[in-house]
Amino acid sequence: AFYGRLQELADPAAVGRLMREENPLVAYIERFRELAFDAAGTETGVSAWIWVGKLCLDNQRLDEARDVLELLLGDHIDSPQLAKVAQSLQ
């Protein structure tokens, strides 16, 4: 239903407002964050942090996204999954 409403909007400002105010993916930020803490020290935890960062970026939560990036670079620098992060930094 959300994405149907999103596709009907032609005004970029209205699209941005809907994404900020009603995006159902925002609820997954906390779920992925919980998984990241539960799976700390594993590649599953790294994946969960990457999803937290992506969802934060997609929803203009830039300070949170920056914190996730710092955490990944500080605690998981040896993870092969950081290649995904590097690609998204463009």
Protein backbone atom coordinates (compact mmCIF):
# COMPACT_ATOMS: atom_id res chain seq x y z
CA ALA A 1 0.00 0.00 0.00
CA PHE A 2 2.83 2.41 0.90
CA TYR A 3 4.68 1.88 -2.36
CA GLY A 4 1.46 2.21 -4.36
CA ARG A 5 0.88 5.62 -2.79
CA LEU A 6 4.51 6.52 -3.42
CA GLN A 7 4.24 5.71 -7.13
CA GLU A 8 1.17 7.92 -7.47
CA LEU A 9 3.04 11.03 -6.32
CA ALA A 10 4.56 13.30 -8.94
CA ASP A 11 5.85 16.05 -6.66
CA PRO A 12 9.38 15.29 -5.34
CA ALA A 13 8.62 17.19 -2.13
CA ALA A 14 5.57 15.01 -1.49
CA VAL A 15 7.63 11.89 -2.17
CA GLY A 16 10.28 13.04 0.31
CA ARG A 17 7.67 13.87 2.93
CA LEU A 18 5.98 10.47 2.57
CA MET A 19 9.34 8.68 2.75
CA ARG A 20 10.28 10.55 5.94
CA GLU A 21 6.94 10.33 7.68
CA GLU A 22 5.46 6.96 6.73
CA ASN A 23 8.21 4.73 5.36
CA PRO A 24 7.59 1.27 6.88
CA LEU A 25 11.27 0.36 6.53
CA VAL A 26 12.19 2.72 9.37
CA ALA A 27 10.83 0.13 11.80
CA TYR A 28 13.50 -2.26 10.59
CA ILE A 29 16.33 0.00 11.72
CA GLU A 30 15.81 -0.99 15.35
CA ARG A 31 15.24 -4.64 14.47
CA PHE A 32 18.52 -4.80 12.55
CA ARG A 33 20.27 -2.88 15.34
CA GLU A 34 19.08 -5.48 17.87
CA LEU A 35 20.30 -8.28 15.61
CA ALA A 36 23.68 -6.54 15.27
CA PHE A 37 24.09 -6.43 19.05
CA ASP A 38 22.87 -10.02 19.46
CA ALA A 39 25.29 -11.25 16.77
CA ALA A 40 28.23 -9.08 17.82
CA GLY A 41 31.56 -10.34 16.57
CA THR A 42 30.08 -12.35 13.70
CA GLU A 43 29.52 -11.73 10.01
CA THR A 44 25.79 -11.75 10.73
CA GLY A 45 26.37 -8.82 13.04
CA VAL A 46 28.32 -7.02 10.32
CA SER A 47 25.48 -7.61 7.85
CA ALA A 48 22.97 -6.25 10.35
CA TRP A 49 25.06 -3.09 10.89
CA ILE A 50 25.31 -2.62 7.13
CA TRP A 51 21.52 -2.75 6.91
CA VAL A 52 21.18 -0.27 9.77
CA GLY A 53 23.51 2.10 7.94
CA LYS A 54 21.71 1.68 4.61
CA LEU A 55 18.28 2.26 6.11
CA CYS A 56 19.55 5.29 8.02
CA LEU A 57 21.03 6.75 4.83
CA ASP A 58 17.88 6.05 2.84
CA ASN A 59 15.83 7.85 5.48
CA GLN A 60 18.11 10.86 5.88
CA ARG A 61 19.26 9.84 9.36
CA LEU A 62 22.76 10.93 8.51
CA ASP A 63 24.21 11.18 12.02
CA GLU A 64 23.12 7.62 12.75
CA ALA A 65 24.53 6.42 9.43
CA ARG A 66 27.85 8.09 10.25
CA ASP A 67 27.91 6.39 13.66
CA VAL A 68 27.34 3.00 12.01
CA LEU A 69 30.14 3.65 9.53
CA GLU A 70 32.52 4.55 12.36
CA LEU A 71 31.50 1.39 14.24
CA LEU A 72 32.04 -0.79 11.16
CA LEU A 73 35.44 0.74 10.43
CA GLY A 74 36.51 0.56 14.06
CA ASP A 75 35.24 -2.86 15.04
CA HIS A 76 34.95 -4.81 11.79
CA ILE A 77 37.73 -3.50 9.55
CA ASP A 78 38.77 -7.06 8.58
CA SER A 79 35.31 -8.10 7.39
CA PRO A 80 35.09 -8.86 3.67
CA GLN A 81 31.61 -7.34 3.76
CA LEU A 82 33.10 -3.86 4.06
CA ALA A 83 33.49 -3.94 0.28
CA LYS A 84 29.69 -3.42 0.17
CA VAL A 85 30.08 -0.39 2.40
CA ALA A 86 32.86 1.06 0.25
CA GLN A 87 30.67 0.79 -2.84
CA SER A 88 27.85 2.69 -1.13
CA LEU A 89 30.08 5.61 -0.09
CA GLN A 90 30.06 7.08 -3.57
